Amino acid sequence: MQALLQYVLIPLMTIYLIILLVYEIKIILIWSLHAKIEAKCKKGSIYAIK
């Protein structure tokens, strides 16, 4: 059981956590980009993002 935990589960958990972290960073970047675009658009503009 110790070998399974040490050589399989811990590396898998590490990879899983890295993937989650990258996904969260991607979401934050998309939201911040969206907020910047919205701030640049004037109210009533046909290009405004709703």
N, C-alpha and C. Protein backbone atom coordinates (compact mmCIF):
# COMPACT_ATOMS: atom_id res chain seq x y z
N MET A 1 0.83 -1.20 0.00
CA MET A 1 0.00 0.00 0.00
C MET A 1 0.87 1.27 0.00
N GLN A 2 1.97 1.21 0.73
CA GLN A 2 2.87 2.37 0.79
C GLN A 2 3.45 2.69 -0.59
N ALA A 3 3.81 1.63 -1.34
CA ALA A 3 4.37 1.84 -2.68
C ALA A 3 3.32 2.44 -3.62
N LEU A 4 2.09 1.96 -3.50
CA LEU A 4 1.01 2.50 -4.33
C LEU A 4 0.82 3.99 -4.05
N LEU A 5 0.81 4.34 -2.80
CA LEU A 5 0.64 5.74 -2.42
C LEU A 5 1.82 6.59 -2.89
N GLN A 6 3.02 6.07 -2.68
CA GLN A 6 4.23 6.84 -2.97
C GLN A 6 4.48 7.00 -4.46
N TYR A 7 4.28 5.94 -5.23
CA TYR A 7 4.69 5.96 -6.64
C TYR A 7 3.55 6.19 -7.63
N VAL A 8 2.31 6.09 -7.17
CA VAL A 8 1.19 6.23 -8.10
C VAL A 8 0.27 7.39 -7.69
N LEU A 9 -0.27 7.32 -6.49
CA LEU A 9 -1.30 8.28 -6.11
C LEU A 9 -0.76 9.69 -5.93
N ILE A 10 0.38 9.84 -5.33
CA ILE A 10 0.93 11.19 -5.11
C ILE A 10 1.29 11.87 -6.44
N PRO A 11 1.98 11.19 -7.37
CA PRO A 11 2.22 11.84 -8.67
C PRO A 11 0.93 12.16 -9.43
N LEU A 12 -0.06 11.26 -9.37
CA LEU A 12 -1.33 11.55 -10.04
C LEU A 12 -2.03 12.75 -9.42
N MET A 13 -2.01 12.83 -8.11
CA MET A 13 -2.62 13.96 -7.42
C MET A 13 -1.89 15.26 -7.79
N THR A 14 -0.58 15.20 -7.89
CA THR A 14 0.20 16.39 -8.26
C THR A 14 -0.17 16.86 -9.66
N ILE A 15 -0.25 15.94 -10.61
CA ILE A 15 -0.63 16.28 -11.98
C ILE A 15 -2.04 16.87 -12.01
N TYR A 16 -2.94 16.27 -11.27
CA TYR A 16 -4.32 16.75 -11.21
C TYR A 16 -4.38 18.17 -10.66
N LEU A 17 -3.64 18.44 -9.60
CA LEU A 17 -3.63 19.78 -9.01
C LEU A 17 -3.02 20.81 -9.96
N ILE A 18 -2.00 20.42 -10.70
CA ILE A 18 -1.40 21.34 -11.68
C ILE A 18 -2.41 21.68 -12.77
N ILE A 19 -3.14 20.67 -13.25
CA ILE A 19 -4.16 20.91 -14.28
C ILE A 19 -5.24 21.85 -13.75
N LEU A 20 -5.68 21.63 -12.52
CA LEU A 20 -6.69 22.52 -11.93
C LEU A 20 -6.17 23.95 -11.80
N LEU A 21 -4.93 24.10 -11.40
CA LEU A 21 -4.34 25.43 -11.26
C LEU A 21 -4.28 26.15 -12.60
N VAL A 22 -3.86 25.45 -13.64
CA VAL A 22 -3.79 26.04 -14.98
C VAL A 22 -5.18 26.46 -15.45
N TYR A 23 -6.18 25.62 -15.19
CA TYR A 23 -7.55 25.94 -15.59
C TYR A 23 -8.06 27.18 -14.86
N GLU A 24 -7.79 27.28 -13.58
CA GLU A 24 -8.22 28.45 -12.80
C GLU A 24 -7.53 29.72 -13.31
N ILE A 25 -6.26 29.64 -13.62
CA ILE A 25 -5.53 30.80 -14.16
C ILE A 25 -6.14 31.23 -15.49
N LYS A 26 -6.50 30.25 -16.33
CA LYS A 26 -7.13 30.55 -17.61
C LYS A 26 -8.44 31.30 -17.41
N ILE A 27 -9.26 30.86 -16.47
CA ILE A 27 -10.53 31.52 -16.20
C ILE A 27 -10.30 32.95 -15.72
N ILE A 28 -9.35 33.15 -14.83
CA ILE A 28 -9.06 34.50 -14.32
C ILE A 28 -8.60 35.41 -15.46
N LEU A 29 -7.75 34.91 -16.34
CA LEU A 29 -7.27 35.72 -17.46
C LEU A 29 -8.40 36.09 -18.41
N ILE A 30 -9.28 35.15 -18.69
CA ILE A 30 -10.41 35.43 -19.58
C ILE A 30 -11.33 36.48 -18.97
N TRP A 31 -11.61 36.35 -17.68
CA TRP A 31 -12.48 37.33 -17.02
C TRP A 31 -11.84 38.71 -16.98
N SER A 32 -10.56 38.78 -16.72
CA SER A 32 -9.91 40.09 -16.67
C SER A 32 -9.85 40.72 -18.05
N LEU A 33 -9.63 39.92 -19.08
CA LEU A 33 -9.63 40.44 -20.45
C LEU A 33 -11.02 40.95 -20.82
N HIS A 34 -12.03 40.20 -20.44
CA HIS A 34 -13.41 40.61 -20.71
C HIS A 34 -13.73 41.93 -20.02
N ALA A 35 -13.28 42.09 -18.79
CA ALA A 35 -13.52 43.33 -18.05
C ALA A 35 -12.81 44.51 -18.71
N LYS A 36 -11.60 44.29 -19.22
CA LYS A 36 -10.87 45.37 -19.90
C LYS A 36 -11.58 45.78 -21.18
N ILE A 37 -12.07 44.81 -21.93
CA ILE A 37 -12.78 45.11 -23.18
C ILE A 37 -14.06 45.88 -22.87
N GLU A 38 -14.79 45.44 -21.84
CA GLU A 38 -16.01 46.13 -21.45
C GLU A 38 -15.73 47.57 -21.04
N ALA A 39 -14.64 47.79 -20.33
CA ALA A 39 -14.31 49.13 -19.87
C ALA A 39 -13.98 50.05 -21.05
N LYS A 40 -13.43 49.50 -22.12
CA LYS A 40 -13.07 50.32 -23.28
C LYS A 40 -14.28 50.67 -24.13
N CYS A 41 -15.30 49.84 -24.10
CA CYS A 41 -16.49 50.09 -24.91
C CYS A 41 -17.32 51.20 -24.26
N LYS A 42 -17.80 52.08 -25.09
CA LYS A 42 -18.66 53.15 -24.57
C LYS A 42 -20.07 52.61 -24.41
N LYS A 43 -20.78 53.17 -23.46
CA LYS A 43 -22.16 52.75 -23.23
C LYS A 43 -22.99 53.11 -24.45
N GLY A 44 -23.77 52.15 -24.92
CA GLY A 44 -24.61 52.38 -26.08
C GLY A 44 -23.92 52.05 -27.39
N SER A 45 -22.68 51.66 -27.35
CA SER A 45 -21.96 51.31 -28.56
C SER A 45 -22.50 50.00 -29.12
N ILE A 46 -22.50 49.89 -30.43
CA ILE A 46 -22.98 48.64 -31.03
C ILE A 46 -22.00 47.50 -30.79
N TYR A 47 -20.79 47.84 -30.37
CA TYR A 47 -19.78 46.82 -30.11
C TYR A 47 -19.71 46.43 -28.63
N ALA A 48 -20.56 47.02 -27.82
CA ALA A 48 -20.51 46.73 -26.39
C ALA A 48 -20.82 45.27 -26.13
N ILE A 49 -20.10 44.70 -25.20
CA ILE A 49 -20.30 43.30 -24.82
C ILE A 49 -21.30 43.27 -23.68
N LYS A 50 -22.31 42.44 -23.84
CA LYS A 50 -23.34 42.36 -22.81
C LYS A 50 -23.18 41.11 -22.01
